[in-house]
Structure formats: structure tokens, C-alpha cells
Amino acid sequence: MSPQLSSTETAELIATAEALADAARRESLRHFRTAGGLAAETKETARFDPVTVADRAAERAMREILAARRPQDGIYGEEYGVIRGESGLTWVLDPIDGTRGYMSGTPTWGVLVALSEETAEGPGQPLLGVIDQPYIGERFVGGFGAAQVTGPLGRAALAVRAPRKLSDAILFSTFPEVGTAEEGEAFARLSREVKLTRYGTDCYAYALIAAGQIDLVVEAGLQPYDVGAPIAVIEAAGGVVTDWQGGPAWRGGRVLAAANPEIHAAAMAVLNA
């Protein structure tokens, strides 16, 4: 369980989350669209799962801030692992979500920062999330009763789309294959039912749900650092994020994010048909 937090404490946590996103924004932009492209290593042998100097530099910068400002909290990061905390809170960090897009020069990758309850098994319920797109200067923040976006068009409250028929829905996923063959078949069923399916925007798709632009994101094979911030932002904007069976999605795996309970239920029925 997370501790009871005062308004002063929540303000400090939000300020810390913004500072983490600022630091990762600076480091990621330092290496973005460099001449000749950015070299990348792969974390896996079976498939290309890239990591770059920018991923590592951005996470190091965030960890330095936490060491100075919140040393009592835990950290769950993609590049440098886990530090257990003493406060009941843990920061879940993905320094560049969408490294494939980042190294290709597209502007739809992002920095993910989440503050979650800390459990014996790892990050629990996300309390606060930031989805930051450094190149276009757009930031989505949700948690502690507020949800807003700041960017080129100014500042605005986040609110999800109203319910609509599945046949009128817009669906996103990062990869057309969506996990295993079985998971891909389930996604294909859903894709045939919706109005439009799009791919490849990584964490930015979740931000579009919170911004009221699309209805669904369906993915599989995710990690806690992929979903903590999107869950917090989407839920703060009025949406729903679960696994494909309707349970918690904090641990990653199969994720179904939806603009509202109605479209969520319709999509889940198709995925599990």
C-alpha cells in the first residue's frame, strides 16, 4: 500500500515527475537525428530489440535526480534495473519508449515516468504518469485528480472520447503481429471489427486515447515500464486500462487500453471470443 499523501507531498511528487521528464528530454534530444544515424545494440538475439547511448544517458539522468530528491523511493527502470525503496512508492522509468522509432528519426517515441505503489512483486497501482514527446515538446500528465497536456497548442485538460460502436472505433498497436500467433489472431479479429487500425506509434498511441483522439490500444508482451505511465494518464483522463481479461495491467503482458468502459467491454469480448 502506498502511504497517505498530503497536498504538499503530491505537489512535490508531480514536480519530481516533471523534473525527471525534463532531464530525459534533454538527454534524448542530444542524440536525436544525429548525422548518419544513431548506432544501436540489441538486447536479444532472436529479434532486434535496440538500446542506444541515449536510452542509457536519459535513465542515468533521471536516477541522479531521484537520488538527490527522493532517495527513500524505489526505482524500476528499463536500462538499470530495480532499487527497492522504503517509502511504499516506486518510480517506473522508460527513458525512451519506442527506441526503434527514435533511431529511425520519427517523432512518436517518448519518455515514460510513472509513480506507483511498491509491492513485494514490483510496481503496483500507478498513481501518477507522464508521457513526454521531447521533439514536438508535448507532455501528457495524469494523476492525483488531474489530467492535462501541454505542448505546441498550449495547455488543455485531457478527456477521453465518448462511447461509440466498435465499428466506428480507431484501434492502435505498435506491431502488426501483436505477440504470439494466438495473440495475433485475436488482434486480427478485433481489427476486422473496427473502422480504422494503425500501427507503430509506441507510447504516443496511449497519449492519443487520453487526448480523446482514438478509442483503443491493444498490445502484448509488455513490461511494467511500458505501461505504468500510460495507465495513470489514461485513467486520469477517464479511460480504462486492463489486461485482456479485465484484470490489472501493471505488470505488463497483454494490455487493453480503452477510452471508456463501453468500448473496452466490446473489444474484450472480441479478443476473448
Protein backbone atom coordinates (compact mmCIF):
# COMPACT_ATOMS: atom_id res chain seq x y z
CA MET A 1 0.00 0.00 0.00
CA SER A 2 1.17 3.50 -0.76
CA PRO A 3 1.37 6.00 2.12
CA GLN A 4 -1.28 8.64 2.67
CA LEU A 5 -0.13 11.75 0.87
CA SER A 6 -0.84 15.38 1.68
CA SER A 7 -1.41 18.03 -0.98
CA THR A 8 2.11 19.32 -0.33
CA GLU A 9 3.53 15.84 -0.86
CA THR A 10 1.57 15.25 -4.08
CA ALA A 11 2.76 18.63 -5.40
CA GLU A 12 6.36 17.58 -4.70
CA LEU A 13 5.82 14.24 -6.43
CA ILE A 14 4.36 15.93 -9.52
CA ALA A 15 7.28 18.38 -9.58
CA THR A 16 9.71 15.48 -9.32
CA ALA A 17 8.00 13.62 -12.18
CA GLU A 18 8.23 16.74 -14.35
CA ALA A 19 11.90 17.16 -13.44
CA LEU A 20 12.59 13.56 -14.46
CA ALA A 21 10.85 14.09 -17.79
CA ASP A 22 12.78 17.33 -18.33
CA ALA A 23 16.10 15.57 -17.74
CA ALA A 24 15.25 12.68 -20.05
CA ARG A 25 14.03 15.15 -22.68
CA ARG A 26 17.38 16.93 -22.68
CA GLU A 27 19.39 13.73 -22.95
CA SER A 28 17.23 12.16 -25.64
CA LEU A 29 17.25 15.27 -27.82
CA ARG A 30 21.03 15.48 -27.51
CA HIS A 31 21.32 12.31 -29.62
CA PHE A 32 18.18 12.50 -31.78
CA ARG A 33 18.53 12.70 -35.58
CA THR A 34 22.32 12.79 -35.46
CA ALA A 35 24.16 12.85 -38.75
CA GLY A 36 24.46 9.37 -40.22
CA GLY A 37 22.00 7.88 -37.73
CA LEU A 38 22.43 6.53 -34.22
CA ALA A 39 24.13 3.20 -33.55
CA ALA A 40 22.18 0.67 -31.51
CA GLU A 41 22.91 -2.58 -29.74
CA THR A 42 20.30 -5.30 -29.40
CA LYS A 43 19.20 -6.77 -26.07
CA GLU A 44 18.02 -10.02 -27.67
CA THR A 45 19.39 -12.45 -30.22
CA ALA A 46 16.08 -13.77 -31.59
CA ARG A 47 14.83 -10.32 -32.60
CA PHE A 48 16.10 -6.77 -32.85
CA ASP A 49 15.39 -5.08 -29.50
CA PRO A 50 17.55 -1.95 -29.63
CA VAL A 51 19.15 0.11 -26.91
CA THR A 52 21.22 3.24 -27.57
CA VAL A 53 23.51 5.58 -25.71
CA ALA A 54 20.52 7.93 -25.44
CA ASP A 55 18.38 5.36 -23.57
CA ARG A 56 21.12 4.87 -21.01
CA ALA A 57 22.01 8.53 -20.64
CA ALA A 58 18.37 9.51 -20.12
CA GLU A 59 17.81 6.91 -17.42
CA ARG A 60 21.04 7.82 -15.64
CA ALA A 61 19.95 11.46 -15.57
CA MET A 62 16.59 10.51 -14.05
CA ARG A 63 18.22 8.28 -11.42
CA GLU A 64 20.57 11.09 -10.39
CA ILE A 65 17.57 13.33 -9.72
CA LEU A 66 15.84 10.65 -7.67
CA ALA A 67 18.97 10.01 -5.64
CA ALA A 68 19.03 13.69 -4.72
CA ARG A 69 15.31 14.38 -4.30
CA ARG A 70 13.65 11.06 -3.38
CA PRO A 71 16.28 8.62 -2.04
CA GLN A 72 13.65 6.84 0.05
CA ASP A 73 11.66 5.74 -3.02
CA GLY A 74 12.21 2.65 -5.14
CA ILE A 75 13.16 2.64 -8.82
CA TYR A 76 12.14 0.20 -11.55
CA GLY A 77 13.95 1.15 -14.73
CA GLU A 78 14.29 -0.46 -18.13
CA GLU A 79 18.03 0.01 -18.51
CA TYR A 80 19.45 -0.18 -14.97
CA GLY A 81 17.08 -2.44 -13.08
CA VAL A 82 15.49 -2.27 -9.63
CA ILE A 83 16.26 -0.43 -6.42
CA ARG A 84 13.91 -1.26 -3.57
CA GLY A 85 12.65 1.70 -1.55
CA GLU A 86 11.39 2.36 1.97
CA SER A 87 8.55 4.79 1.29
CA GLY A 88 5.99 2.47 -0.31
CA LEU A 89 6.45 4.31 -3.61
CA THR A 90 8.48 3.35 -6.67
CA TRP A 91 9.37 5.24 -9.84
CA VAL A 92 8.89 3.27 -13.05
CA LEU A 93 11.12 4.62 -15.81
CA ASP A 94 11.28 4.00 -19.54
CA PRO A 95 13.83 6.55 -20.79
CA ILE A 96 12.90 6.06 -24.45
CA ASP A 97 9.77 4.10 -25.22
CA GLY A 98 9.96 3.38 -28.93
CA THR A 99 13.71 3.15 -29.48
CA ARG A 100 13.12 1.70 -32.97
CA GLY A 101 11.25 4.86 -33.90
CA TYR A 102 13.79 7.05 -32.12
CA MET A 103 16.75 5.64 -34.02
CA SER A 104 14.77 5.96 -37.28
CA GLY A 105 14.12 9.66 -36.73
CA THR A 106 10.35 9.50 -36.25
CA PRO A 107 8.75 11.84 -33.66
CA THR A 108 6.39 9.34 -32.00
CA TRP A 109 8.69 7.81 -29.35
CA GLY A 110 8.51 9.15 -25.82
CA VAL A 111 9.77 9.29 -22.26
CA LEU A 112 7.66 7.42 -19.70
CA VAL A 113 7.70 8.27 -16.00
CA ALA A 114 5.31 6.66 -13.54
CA LEU A 115 4.96 6.79 -9.77
CA SER A 116 3.46 3.56 -8.48
CA GLU A 117 2.68 1.79 -5.26
CA GLU A 118 5.53 -0.55 -4.38
CA THR A 119 4.65 -4.18 -3.70
CA ALA A 120 6.69 -7.28 -2.89
CA GLU A 121 6.31 -8.34 -6.53
CA GLY A 122 7.31 -4.98 -8.01
CA PRO A 123 5.41 -1.88 -9.16
CA GLY A 124 1.71 -1.90 -8.29
CA GLN A 125 -1.09 0.57 -8.99
CA PRO A 126 0.23 3.63 -10.88
CA LEU A 127 -0.63 6.87 -9.08
CA LEU A 128 0.92 9.40 -11.45
CA GLY A 129 2.17 9.23 -15.01
CA VAL A 130 3.99 11.35 -17.58
CA ILE A 131 4.12 10.62 -21.31
CA ASP A 132 6.56 13.11 -22.82
CA GLN A 133 7.38 13.58 -26.51
CA PRO A 134 10.56 15.68 -26.47
CA TYR A 135 10.91 16.52 -30.15
CA ILE A 136 7.49 18.13 -30.54
CA GLY A 137 7.51 19.40 -26.95
CA GLU A 138 4.28 17.70 -25.92
CA ARG A 139 3.70 16.34 -22.42
CA PHE A 140 0.74 14.38 -21.05
CA VAL A 141 0.42 14.22 -17.25
CA GLY A 142 -2.20 12.34 -15.26
CA GLY A 143 -2.72 11.52 -11.61
CA PHE A 144 -3.86 12.82 -8.22
CA GLY A 145 -7.15 14.00 -9.67
CA ALA A 146 -5.85 15.89 -12.71
CA ALA A 147 -5.04 15.17 -16.35
CA GLN A 148 -3.60 17.70 -18.77
CA VAL A 149 -1.46 18.13 -21.86
CA THR A 150 0.99 20.93 -22.60
CA GLY A 151 2.56 21.45 -25.99
CA PRO A 152 2.56 23.47 -29.23
CA LEU A 153 -1.16 24.20 -28.86
CA GLY A 154 -0.83 25.37 -25.25
CA ARG A 155 -2.29 23.72 -22.17
CA ALA A 156 -5.53 21.75 -22.06
CA ALA A 157 -7.37 19.25 -19.92
CA LEU A 158 -7.30 15.65 -21.09
CA ALA A 159 -10.59 13.84 -21.68
CA VAL A 160 -11.27 10.57 -23.49
CA ARG A 161 -13.73 10.07 -26.35
CA ALA A 162 -17.38 9.35 -25.71
CA PRO A 163 -18.71 5.80 -26.21
CA ARG A 164 -19.32 4.67 -29.79
CA LYS A 165 -19.95 1.47 -31.69
CA LEU A 166 -16.97 -0.81 -32.19
CA SER A 167 -17.50 -0.40 -35.93
CA ASP A 168 -16.74 3.32 -35.51
CA ALA A 169 -13.64 2.85 -33.34
CA ILE A 170 -9.99 3.65 -34.06
CA LEU A 171 -7.54 0.98 -32.90
CA PHE A 172 -3.75 1.27 -32.49
CA SER A 173 -0.94 -1.20 -31.80
CA THR A 174 2.83 -0.96 -32.09
CA PHE A 175 3.44 -4.15 -34.09
CA PRO A 176 1.09 -5.78 -36.64
CA GLU A 177 1.98 -9.25 -35.32
CA VAL A 178 0.96 -8.36 -31.71
CA GLY A 179 2.82 -11.04 -29.75
CA THR A 180 2.31 -14.76 -30.30
CA ALA A 181 0.41 -16.29 -33.21
CA GLU A 182 -2.61 -16.81 -30.95
CA GLU A 183 -2.49 -13.22 -29.72
CA GLY A 184 -2.11 -12.02 -33.30
CA GLU A 185 -5.21 -13.92 -34.34
CA ALA A 186 -7.20 -12.31 -31.50
CA PHE A 187 -6.00 -8.87 -32.53
CA ALA A 188 -6.87 -9.57 -36.17
CA ARG A 189 -10.45 -10.41 -35.12
CA LEU A 190 -10.71 -7.08 -33.37
CA SER A 191 -9.10 -5.21 -36.24
CA ARG A 192 -11.74 -6.55 -38.62
CA GLU A 193 -14.47 -5.10 -36.37
CA VAL A 194 -13.19 -1.52 -36.09
CA LYS A 195 -13.29 1.40 -38.50
CA LEU A 196 -9.52 2.04 -38.64
CA THR A 197 -6.36 0.27 -37.44
CA ARG A 198 -2.97 1.98 -37.25
CA TYR A 199 0.48 0.81 -36.13
CA GLY A 200 3.85 1.95 -34.89
CA THR A 201 3.40 4.92 -32.57
CA ASP A 202 4.55 3.20 -29.35
CA CYS A 203 3.59 5.14 -26.19
CA TYR A 204 2.16 8.03 -28.20
CA ALA A 205 -0.89 5.91 -29.01
CA TYR A 206 -1.80 5.76 -25.32
CA ALA A 207 -1.49 9.54 -25.13
CA LEU A 208 -3.95 9.80 -28.03
CA ILE A 209 -6.54 7.85 -26.03
CA ALA A 210 -6.16 10.31 -23.15
CA ALA A 211 -6.41 13.22 -25.58
CA GLY A 212 -9.73 11.99 -26.98
CA GLN A 213 -8.42 11.17 -30.45
CA ILE A 214 -8.68 7.36 -30.61
CA ASP A 215 -10.57 4.59 -28.87
CA LEU A 216 -8.34 1.55 -28.32
CA VAL A 217 -4.74 0.37 -27.94
CA VAL A 218 -4.13 -3.39 -27.81
CA GLU A 219 -0.68 -4.89 -27.22
CA ALA A 220 1.03 -7.98 -25.82
CA GLY A 221 4.40 -8.86 -24.35
CA LEU A 222 4.81 -5.58 -22.47
CA GLN A 223 6.84 -4.84 -19.33
CA PRO A 224 5.84 -2.74 -16.28
CA TYR A 225 7.87 0.22 -17.53
CA ASP A 226 5.90 0.16 -20.81
CA VAL A 227 2.52 0.59 -19.14
CA GLY A 228 2.83 2.38 -15.80
CA ALA A 229 2.68 5.94 -17.15
CA PRO A 230 0.04 5.20 -19.82
CA ILE A 231 -2.23 3.60 -17.22
CA ALA A 232 -2.02 6.64 -14.93
CA VAL A 233 -2.57 9.17 -17.72
CA ILE A 234 -5.45 7.31 -19.38
CA GLU A 235 -7.26 6.57 -16.12
CA ALA A 236 -6.90 10.21 -15.02
CA ALA A 237 -8.49 11.25 -18.34
CA GLY A 238 -11.45 8.91 -17.75
CA GLY A 239 -10.34 5.82 -19.67
CA VAL A 240 -9.80 2.17 -18.79
CA VAL A 241 -6.62 0.03 -18.95
CA THR A 242 -6.60 -3.68 -18.08
CA ASP A 243 -5.18 -6.94 -19.32
CA TRP A 244 -7.18 -8.82 -21.96
CA GLN A 245 -9.28 -10.49 -19.27
CA GLY A 246 -10.14 -7.30 -17.41
CA GLY A 247 -7.56 -7.65 -14.63
CA PRO A 248 -4.77 -5.26 -13.60
CA ALA A 249 -2.21 -4.46 -16.30
CA TRP A 250 0.52 -3.01 -14.07
CA ARG A 251 2.80 -5.98 -14.69
CA GLY A 252 2.59 -5.65 -18.46
CA GLY A 253 1.86 -8.65 -20.65
CA ARG A 254 -1.34 -8.30 -22.64
CA VAL A 255 -2.77 -4.78 -22.41
CA LEU A 256 -6.13 -3.40 -23.50
CA ALA A 257 -6.44 0.38 -23.18
CA ALA A 258 -9.80 1.97 -23.98
CA ALA A 259 -11.43 5.37 -24.00
CA ASN A 260 -14.41 4.24 -21.94
CA PRO A 261 -15.92 1.16 -20.27
CA GLU A 262 -18.32 0.51 -23.14
CA ILE A 263 -15.71 0.25 -25.89
CA HIS A 264 -13.45 -1.65 -23.50
CA ALA A 265 -16.11 -4.31 -22.91
CA ALA A 266 -16.84 -4.63 -26.63
CA ALA A 267 -13.15 -5.02 -27.50
CA MET A 268 -12.50 -7.50 -24.69
CA ALA A 269 -15.38 -9.69 -25.89
CA VAL A 270 -13.84 -9.92 -29.36
CA LEU A 271 -10.31 -10.56 -28.06
CA ASN A 272 -11.59 -13.47 -25.97
CA ALA A 273 -14.06 -14.91 -28.49
